[in-house]
């Protein structure tokens, strides 16, 4: 009898609280799902190596252990090719008439003509017969003789530089001839009649890209 009454009460309780029981069941079910999801997602990620052939920093490779060596090689620049410099064409004693630059020196005094005039070159005083040589290798483009400049030799030294060596004795070179730096082309004399009173000397003119320049400065400023 008591068992029947208890079963009746239980059945009546379940029947009357069915909705509540369903809700409680659902809550526990949801909590279970959440707990399972948390336990699954809380595991640490393990990287998967899908490409084992890719090299990593810790692989055994022939790595340059001296990075400074690479930097030094990268910073090295090729050495420039040697530049042939100009030399003085003779051993001279002093400078006679200077070059007129058109600014500081506009005219120089010519004692032979007793006048102030323009002077495109420079006169290098030397003993008569002093050897005159090419300042740099080049090609003889003209050999001649005028009353004003006496015997003269014009050499194209390349790179837009043309030099005139005047007041020479009779030159020992000919037009079209190739000459080397230091090769003799003639001797100092008094053949330049317009500058006769200075005595034996070399009248030297230099044109660079068609413009007359001071031969002394040009030679002294060449790279060493």
C-alpha atoms as a PDB file:
ATOM      1  CA  UNK A   1       0.000   0.000   0.000  1.00  0.00           C
ATOM      2  CA  UNK A   2       2.765   2.445   0.953  1.00  0.00           C
ATOM      3  CA  UNK A   3       4.678   1.680  -2.227  1.00  0.00           C
ATOM      4  CA  UNK A   4       1.623   2.422  -4.296  1.00  0.00           C
ATOM      5  CA  UNK A   5       1.129   5.732  -2.490  1.00  0.00           C
ATOM      6  CA  UNK A   6       4.757   6.690  -3.069  1.00  0.00           C
ATOM      7  CA  UNK A   7       4.566   5.832  -6.759  1.00  0.00           C
ATOM      8  CA  UNK A   8       1.368   7.844  -7.009  1.00  0.00           C
ATOM      9  CA  UNK A   9       3.010  10.882  -5.419  1.00  0.00           C
ATOM     10  CA  UNK A  10       6.049  10.572  -7.690  1.00  0.00           C
ATOM     11  CA  UNK A  11       3.889  10.235 -10.760  1.00  0.00           C
ATOM     12  CA  UNK A  12       1.763  13.192  -9.689  1.00  0.00           C
ATOM     13  CA  UNK A  13       4.978  15.260  -8.981  1.00  0.00           C
ATOM     14  CA  UNK A  14       6.467  14.455 -12.378  1.00  0.00           C
ATOM     15  CA  UNK A  15       3.214  15.202 -14.116  1.00  0.00           C
ATOM     16  CA  UNK A  16       2.755  18.529 -12.345  1.00  0.00           C
ATOM     17  CA  UNK A  17       6.421  19.616 -12.767  1.00  0.00           C
ATOM     18  CA  UNK A  18       7.142  18.235 -16.218  1.00  0.00           C
ATOM     19  CA  UNK A  19       7.954  21.634 -17.652  1.00  0.00           C
ATOM     20  CA  UNK A  20      10.335  22.470 -14.817  1.00  0.00           C
ATOM     21  CA  UNK A  21      12.072  19.129 -15.177  1.00  0.00           C
ATOM     22  CA  UNK A  22      12.516  19.681 -18.908  1.00  0.00           C
ATOM     23  CA  UNK A  23      14.048  23.100 -18.234  1.00  0.00           C
ATOM     24  CA  UNK A  24      16.436  21.698 -15.641  1.00  0.00           C
ATOM     25  CA  UNK A  25      17.433  18.930 -18.041  1.00  0.00           C
ATOM     26  CA  UNK A  26      18.109  21.426 -20.784  1.00  0.00           C
ATOM     27  CA  UNK A  27      20.218  23.553 -18.443  1.00  0.00           C
ATOM     28  CA  UNK A  28      22.363  20.592 -17.481  1.00  0.00           C
ATOM     29  CA  UNK A  29      22.672  19.585 -21.114  1.00  0.00           C
ATOM     30  CA  UNK A  30      23.853  23.069 -22.091  1.00  0.00           C
ATOM     31  CA  UNK A  31      26.318  23.148 -19.199  1.00  0.00           C
ATOM     32  CA  UNK A  32      27.663  19.807 -20.335  1.00  0.00           C
ATOM     33  CA  UNK A  33      28.175  21.038 -23.900  1.00  0.00           C
ATOM     34  CA  UNK A  34      29.910  24.195 -22.673  1.00  0.00           C
ATOM     35  CA  UNK A  35      32.198  22.219 -20.373  1.00  0.00           C
ATOM     36  CA  UNK A  36      33.171  19.796 -23.130  1.00  0.00           C
ATOM     37  CA  UNK A  37      33.858  22.680 -25.554  1.00  0.00           C
ATOM     38  CA  UNK A  38      36.025  24.446 -22.976  1.00  0.00           C
ATOM     39  CA  UNK A  39      38.064  21.328 -22.288  1.00  0.00           C
ATOM     40  CA  UNK A  40      38.631  20.760 -26.003  1.00  0.00           C
ATOM     41  CA  UNK A  41      39.569  24.337 -26.969  1.00  0.00           C
ATOM     42  CA  UNK A  42      41.798  24.888 -23.926  1.00  0.00           C
ATOM     43  CA  UNK A  43      44.418  22.463 -25.254  1.00  0.00           C
ATOM     44  CA  UNK A  44      47.632  24.223 -26.493  1.00  0.00           C
ATOM     45  CA  UNK A  45      48.045  24.472 -30.268  1.00  0.00           C
ATOM     46  CA  UNK A  46      50.732  22.222 -31.627  1.00  0.00           C
ATOM     47  CA  UNK A  47      52.188  23.496 -34.920  1.00  0.00           C
ATOM     48  CA  UNK A  48      51.999  21.028 -37.698  1.00  0.00           C
ATOM     49  CA  UNK A  49      54.999  20.923 -39.989  1.00  0.00           C
ATOM     50  CA  UNK A  50      53.452  20.476 -43.397  1.00  0.00           C
ATOM     51  CA  UNK A  51      56.666  21.397 -45.157  1.00  0.00           C
ATOM     52  CA  UNK A  52      59.576  19.612 -43.512  1.00  0.00           C
ATOM     53  CA  UNK A  53      61.944  20.523 -46.354  1.00  0.00           C
ATOM     54  CA  UNK A  54      61.910  24.243 -45.551  1.00  0.00           C
ATOM     55  CA  UNK A  55      65.173  25.298 -43.919  1.00  0.00           C
ATOM     56  CA  UNK A  56      64.989  26.800 -40.458  1.00  0.00           C
ATOM     57  CA  UNK A  57      67.631  28.878 -38.636  1.00  0.00           C
ATOM     58  CA  UNK A  58      68.619  25.921 -36.464  1.00  0.00           C
ATOM     59  CA  UNK A  59      69.263  23.644 -39.450  1.00  0.00           C
ATOM     60  CA  UNK A  60      72.852  22.562 -40.006  1.00  0.00           C
ATOM     61  CA  UNK A  61      73.981  24.789 -42.849  1.00  0.00           C
ATOM     62  CA  UNK A  62      77.198  26.445 -43.970  1.00  0.00           C
ATOM     63  CA  UNK A  63      76.443  29.878 -42.548  1.00  0.00           C
ATOM     64  CA  UNK A  64      79.046  32.646 -42.722  1.00  0.00           C
ATOM     65  CA  UNK A  65      80.169  33.123 -39.146  1.00  0.00           C
ATOM     66  CA  UNK A  66      81.765  36.517 -39.933  1.00  0.00           C
ATOM     67  CA  UNK A  67      79.139  39.023 -41.151  1.00  0.00           C
ATOM     68  CA  UNK A  68      81.707  41.848 -41.061  1.00  0.00           C
ATOM     69  CA  UNK A  69      83.509  40.121 -43.910  1.00  0.00           C
ATOM     70  CA  UNK A  70      80.430  40.431 -46.130  1.00  0.00           C
ATOM     71  CA  UNK A  71      80.026  44.106 -45.163  1.00  0.00           C
ATOM     72  CA  UNK A  72      83.631  44.822 -46.072  1.00  0.00           C
ATOM     73  CA  UNK A  73      83.218  43.128 -49.435  1.00  0.00           C
ATOM     74  CA  UNK A  74      80.010  45.072 -50.135  1.00  0.00           C
ATOM     75  CA  UNK A  75      81.652  48.380 -49.238  1.00  0.00           C
ATOM     76  CA  UNK A  76      84.677  47.826 -51.409  1.00  0.00           C
ATOM     77  CA  UNK A  77      84.759  50.002 -54.529  1.00  0.00           C
ATOM     78  CA  UNK A  78      86.885  49.277 -57.575  1.00  0.00           C
ATOM     79  CA  UNK A  79      90.121  51.201 -57.679  1.00  0.00           C
ATOM     80  CA  UNK A  80      90.096  54.024 -60.258  1.00  0.00           C
ATOM     81  CA  UNK A  81      92.218  53.583 -63.324  1.00  0.00           C
ATOM     82  CA  UNK A  82      95.492  55.535 -63.183  1.00  0.00           C
ATOM     83  CA  UNK A  83      95.317  58.956 -64.812  1.00  0.00           C
ATOM     84  CA  UNK A  84      98.235  60.128 -66.922  1.00  0.00           C
ATOM     85  CA  UNK A  85      99.261  63.467 -65.488  1.00  0.00           C
ATOM     86  CA  UNK A  86     100.938  66.439 -67.160  1.00  0.00           C
ATOM     87  CA  UNK A  87     104.550  67.289 -66.472  1.00  0.00           C
ATOM     88  CA  UNK A  88     106.515  70.471 -67.020  1.00  0.00           C
ATOM     89  CA  UNK A  89     107.961  70.540 -70.540  1.00  0.00           C
ATOM     90  CA  UNK A  90     111.439  71.716 -69.455  1.00  0.00           C
ATOM     91  CA  UNK A  91     113.642  72.748 -66.576  1.00  0.00           C
ATOM     92  CA  UNK A  92     113.192  76.510 -66.504  1.00  0.00           C
ATOM     93  CA  UNK A  93     114.900  79.242 -64.507  1.00  0.00           C
ATOM     94  CA  UNK A  94     112.027  81.672 -64.027  1.00  0.00           C
ATOM     95  CA  UNK A  95     108.717  82.862 -65.446  1.00  0.00           C
ATOM     96  CA  UNK A  96     108.887  85.764 -67.900  1.00  0.00           C
ATOM     97  CA  UNK A  97     105.636  87.211 -69.165  1.00  0.00           C
ATOM     98  CA  UNK A  98     102.720  85.707 -67.290  1.00  0.00           C
ATOM     99  CA  UNK A  99      99.396  84.488 -68.636  1.00  0.00           C
ATOM    100  CA  UNK A 100      96.589  87.061 -68.897  1.00  0.00           C
ATOM    101  CA  UNK A 101      93.464  85.645 -67.268  1.00  0.00           C
ATOM    102  CA  UNK A 102      91.284  88.645 -68.228  1.00  0.00           C
ATOM    103  CA  UNK A 103      90.453  89.340 -64.561  1.00  0.00           C
ATOM    104  CA  UNK A 104      93.368  89.781 -62.177  1.00  0.00           C
ATOM    105  CA  UNK A 105      95.843  90.184 -65.045  1.00  0.00           C
ATOM    106  CA  UNK A 106      94.371  91.845 -68.113  1.00  0.00           C
ATOM    107  CA  UNK A 107      97.588  92.880 -69.884  1.00  0.00           C
ATOM    108  CA  UNK A 108     101.297  92.240 -69.398  1.00  0.00           C
ATOM    109  CA  UNK A 109     104.200  94.432 -70.413  1.00  0.00           C
ATOM    110  CA  UNK A 110     106.066  93.291 -73.531  1.00  0.00           C
ATOM    111  CA  UNK A 111     109.553  94.778 -73.301  1.00  0.00           C
ATOM    112  CA  UNK A 112     110.369  93.832 -76.905  1.00  0.00           C
ATOM    113  CA  UNK A 113     107.410  95.803 -78.312  1.00  0.00           C
ATOM    114  CA  UNK A 114     107.444  98.320 -75.432  1.00  0.00           C
ATOM    115  CA  UNK A 115     103.709  97.963 -74.929  1.00  0.00           C
ATOM    116  CA  UNK A 116     101.096  96.374 -72.680  1.00  0.00           C
ATOM    117  CA  UNK A 117      99.261  93.606 -74.458  1.00  0.00           C
ATOM    118  CA  UNK A 118      97.299  90.370 -74.078  1.00  0.00           C
ATOM    119  CA  UNK A 119      99.356  87.222 -73.507  1.00  0.00           C
ATOM    120  CA  UNK A 120      97.585  83.869 -74.008  1.00  0.00           C
ATOM    121  CA  UNK A 121     100.450  81.751 -72.749  1.00  0.00           C
ATOM    122  CA  UNK A 122     103.318  81.868 -70.283  1.00  0.00           C
ATOM    123  CA  UNK A 123     107.024  82.339 -70.978  1.00  0.00           C
ATOM    124  CA  UNK A 124     109.411  79.959 -69.198  1.00  0.00           C
ATOM    125  CA  UNK A 125     112.923  81.374 -69.199  1.00  0.00           C
ATOM    126  CA  UNK A 126     115.683  78.805 -69.725  1.00  0.00           C
ATOM    127  CA  UNK A 127     119.154  78.531 -71.185  1.00  0.00           C
ATOM    128  CA  UNK A 128     119.275  78.349 -74.941  1.00  0.00           C
ATOM    129  CA  UNK A 129     119.341  74.766 -76.140  1.00  0.00           C
ATOM    130  CA  UNK A 130     117.411  73.412 -73.117  1.00  0.00           C
ATOM    131  CA  UNK A 131     115.467  70.338 -74.158  1.00  0.00           C
ATOM    132  CA  UNK A 132     111.678  70.795 -74.530  1.00  0.00           C
ATOM    133  CA  UNK A 133     109.560  67.659 -74.173  1.00  0.00           C
ATOM    134  CA  UNK A 134     105.903  66.751 -74.527  1.00  0.00           C
ATOM    135  CA  UNK A 135     103.965  67.248 -71.268  1.00  0.00           C
ATOM    136  CA  UNK A 136     101.824  64.222 -72.043  1.00  0.00           C
ATOM    137  CA  UNK A 137     101.464  61.703 -74.846  1.00  0.00           C
ATOM    138  CA  UNK A 138      99.582  62.950 -77.887  1.00  0.00           C
ATOM    139  CA  UNK A 139      99.605  63.651 -81.595  1.00  0.00           C
ATOM    140  CA  UNK A 140     101.456  66.435 -83.415  1.00  0.00           C
ATOM    141  CA  UNK A 141      98.747  68.377 -85.247  1.00  0.00           C
ATOM    142  CA  UNK A 142     100.846  71.277 -86.519  1.00  0.00           C
ATOM    143  CA  UNK A 143     104.484  72.319 -86.932  1.00  0.00           C
ATOM    144  CA  UNK A 144     105.269  75.798 -88.215  1.00  0.00           C
ATOM    145  CA  UNK A 145     107.206  79.056 -88.015  1.00  0.00           C
ATOM    146  CA  UNK A 146     105.914  82.627 -87.732  1.00  0.00           C
ATOM    147  CA  UNK A 147     107.665  85.941 -87.125  1.00  0.00           C
ATOM    148  CA  UNK A 148     105.681  86.473 -83.928  1.00  0.00           C
ATOM    149  CA  UNK A 149     106.060  83.002 -82.291  1.00  0.00           C
ATOM    150  CA  UNK A 150     109.104  81.587 -84.082  1.00  0.00           C
ATOM    151  CA  UNK A 151     109.178  77.815 -84.487  1.00  0.00           C
ATOM    152  CA  UNK A 152     106.229  76.130 -82.809  1.00  0.00           C
ATOM    153  CA  UNK A 153     104.717  72.696 -82.296  1.00  0.00           C
ATOM    154  CA  UNK A 154     101.038  72.052 -81.552  1.00  0.00           C
ATOM    155  CA  UNK A 155     100.181  68.786 -79.778  1.00  0.00           C
ATOM    156  CA  UNK A 156      96.707  67.367 -79.193  1.00  0.00           C
ATOM    157  CA  UNK A 157      97.029  65.670 -75.803  1.00  0.00           C
ATOM    158  CA  UNK A 158      93.470  64.322 -75.815  1.00  0.00           C
ATOM    159  CA  UNK A 159      90.468  65.033 -73.558  1.00  0.00           C
ATOM    160  CA  UNK A 160      90.074  68.470 -75.152  1.00  0.00           C
ATOM    161  CA  UNK A 161      93.597  69.636 -74.242  1.00  0.00           C
ATOM    162  CA  UNK A 162      95.783  71.185 -76.992  1.00  0.00           C
ATOM    163  CA  UNK A 163      99.201  72.687 -76.206  1.00  0.00           C
ATOM    164  CA  UNK A 164     101.337  75.037 -78.281  1.00  0.00           C
ATOM    165  CA  UNK A 165     105.093  74.953 -77.656  1.00  0.00           C
ATOM    166  CA  UNK A 166     106.660  78.060 -79.273  1.00  0.00           C
ATOM    167  CA  UNK A 167     109.931  80.041 -79.472  1.00  0.00           C
ATOM    168  CA  UNK A 168     111.721  76.792 -80.280  1.00  0.00           C
ATOM    169  CA  UNK A 169     114.722  75.969 -82.362  1.00  0.00           C
ATOM    170  CA  UNK A 170     113.837  73.935 -85.417  1.00  0.00           C
ATOM    171  CA  UNK A 171     111.560  71.113 -84.147  1.00  0.00           C
ATOM    172  CA  UNK A 172     112.600  67.480 -84.419  1.00  0.00           C
ATOM    173  CA  UNK A 173     109.037  66.192 -84.867  1.00  0.00           C
ATOM    174  CA  UNK A 174     106.626  66.287 -87.805  1.00  0.00           C
ATOM    175  CA  UNK A 175     102.904  66.739 -88.244  1.00  0.00           C
ATOM    176  CA  UNK A 176     100.903  63.545 -87.617  1.00  0.00           C
ATOM    177  CA  UNK A 177     103.589  61.995 -85.440  1.00  0.00           C
ATOM    178  CA  UNK A 178     102.670  60.273 -82.173  1.00  0.00           C
ATOM    179  CA  UNK A 179     104.725  61.354 -79.178  1.00  0.00           C
ATOM    180  CA  UNK A 180     105.052  59.985 -75.657  1.00  0.00           C
ATOM    181  CA  UNK A 181     105.103  61.913 -72.409  1.00  0.00           C
ATOM    182  CA  UNK A 182     108.628  63.284 -71.875  1.00  0.00           C
ATOM    183  CA  UNK A 183     109.660  62.794 -75.507  1.00  0.00           C
ATOM    184  CA  UNK A 184     111.816  65.614 -76.855  1.00  0.00           C
ATOM    185  CA  UNK A 185     110.199  67.807 -79.512  1.00  0.00           C
ATOM    186  CA  UNK A 186     112.736  70.644 -79.774  1.00  0.00           C
ATOM    187  CA  UNK A 187     114.944  73.107 -77.900  1.00  0.00           C
ATOM    188  CA  UNK A 188     114.550  76.516 -76.292  1.00  0.00           C
ATOM    189  CA  UNK A 189     115.663  79.419 -78.480  1.00  0.00           C
ATOM    190  CA  UNK A 190     115.020  83.096 -79.197  1.00  0.00           C
ATOM    191  CA  UNK A 191     113.062  82.465 -82.397  1.00  0.00           C
ATOM    192  CA  UNK A 192     109.930  84.360 -81.184  1.00  0.00           C
ATOM    193  CA  UNK A 193     110.698  87.853 -82.528  1.00  0.00           C
ATOM    194  CA  UNK A 194     107.853  89.493 -80.546  1.00  0.00           C
ATOM    195  CA  UNK A 195     109.518  88.316 -77.313  1.00  0.00           C
ATOM    196  CA  UNK A 196     113.163  88.537 -78.320  1.00  0.00           C
ATOM    197  CA  UNK A 197     114.264  90.807 -75.461  1.00  0.00           C
ATOM    198  CA  UNK A 198     113.444  88.117 -72.856  1.00  0.00           C
ATOM    199  CA  UNK A 199     116.189  85.925 -74.234  1.00  0.00           C
ATOM    200  CA  UNK A 200     115.839  82.188 -74.691  1.00  0.00           C
ATOM    201  CA  UNK A 201     112.560  80.852 -73.398  1.00  0.00           C
ATOM    202  CA  UNK A 202     109.631  78.552 -74.132  1.00  0.00           C
ATOM    203  CA  UNK A 203     106.348  80.265 -74.971  1.00  0.00           C
ATOM    204  CA  UNK A 204     103.715  77.752 -73.810  1.00  0.00           C
ATOM    205  CA  UNK A 205      99.984  77.984 -74.490  1.00  0.00           C
ATOM    206  CA  UNK A 206      97.296  75.498 -73.401  1.00  0.00           C
ATOM    207  CA  UNK A 207      93.710  75.364 -74.631  1.00  0.00           C
ATOM    208  CA  UNK A 208      91.190  73.235 -72.777  1.00  0.00           C
ATOM    209  CA  UNK A 209      87.928  72.648 -74.644  1.00  0.00           C
ATOM    210  CA  UNK A 210      88.735  75.630 -76.859  1.00  0.00           C
ATOM    211  CA  UNK A 211      89.479  78.048 -73.998  1.00  0.00           C
ATOM    212  CA  UNK A 212      92.946  79.325 -73.120  1.00  0.00           C
ATOM    213  CA  UNK A 213      93.984  78.469 -69.556  1.00  0.00           C
ATOM    214  CA  UNK A 214      96.989  79.369 -67.433  1.00  0.00           C
ATOM    215  CA  UNK A 215      99.540  76.649 -68.255  1.00  0.00           C
ATOM    216  CA  UNK A 216     101.175  76.891 -64.812  1.00  0.00           C
ATOM    217  CA  UNK A 217      97.894  76.341 -62.948  1.00  0.00           C
ATOM    218  CA  UNK A 218      96.818  73.648 -65.381  1.00  0.00           C
ATOM    219  CA  UNK A 219      99.932  71.591 -64.852  1.00  0.00           C
ATOM    220  CA  UNK A 220     100.123  72.104 -61.075  1.00  0.00           C
ATOM    221  CA  UNK A 221      96.442  71.187 -60.569  1.00  0.00           C
ATOM    222  CA  UNK A 222      96.622  67.854 -62.350  1.00  0.00           C
ATOM    223  CA  UNK A 223      95.783  64.829 -60.119  1.00  0.00           C
ATOM    224  CA  UNK A 224      98.843  63.232 -58.562  1.00  0.00           C
END
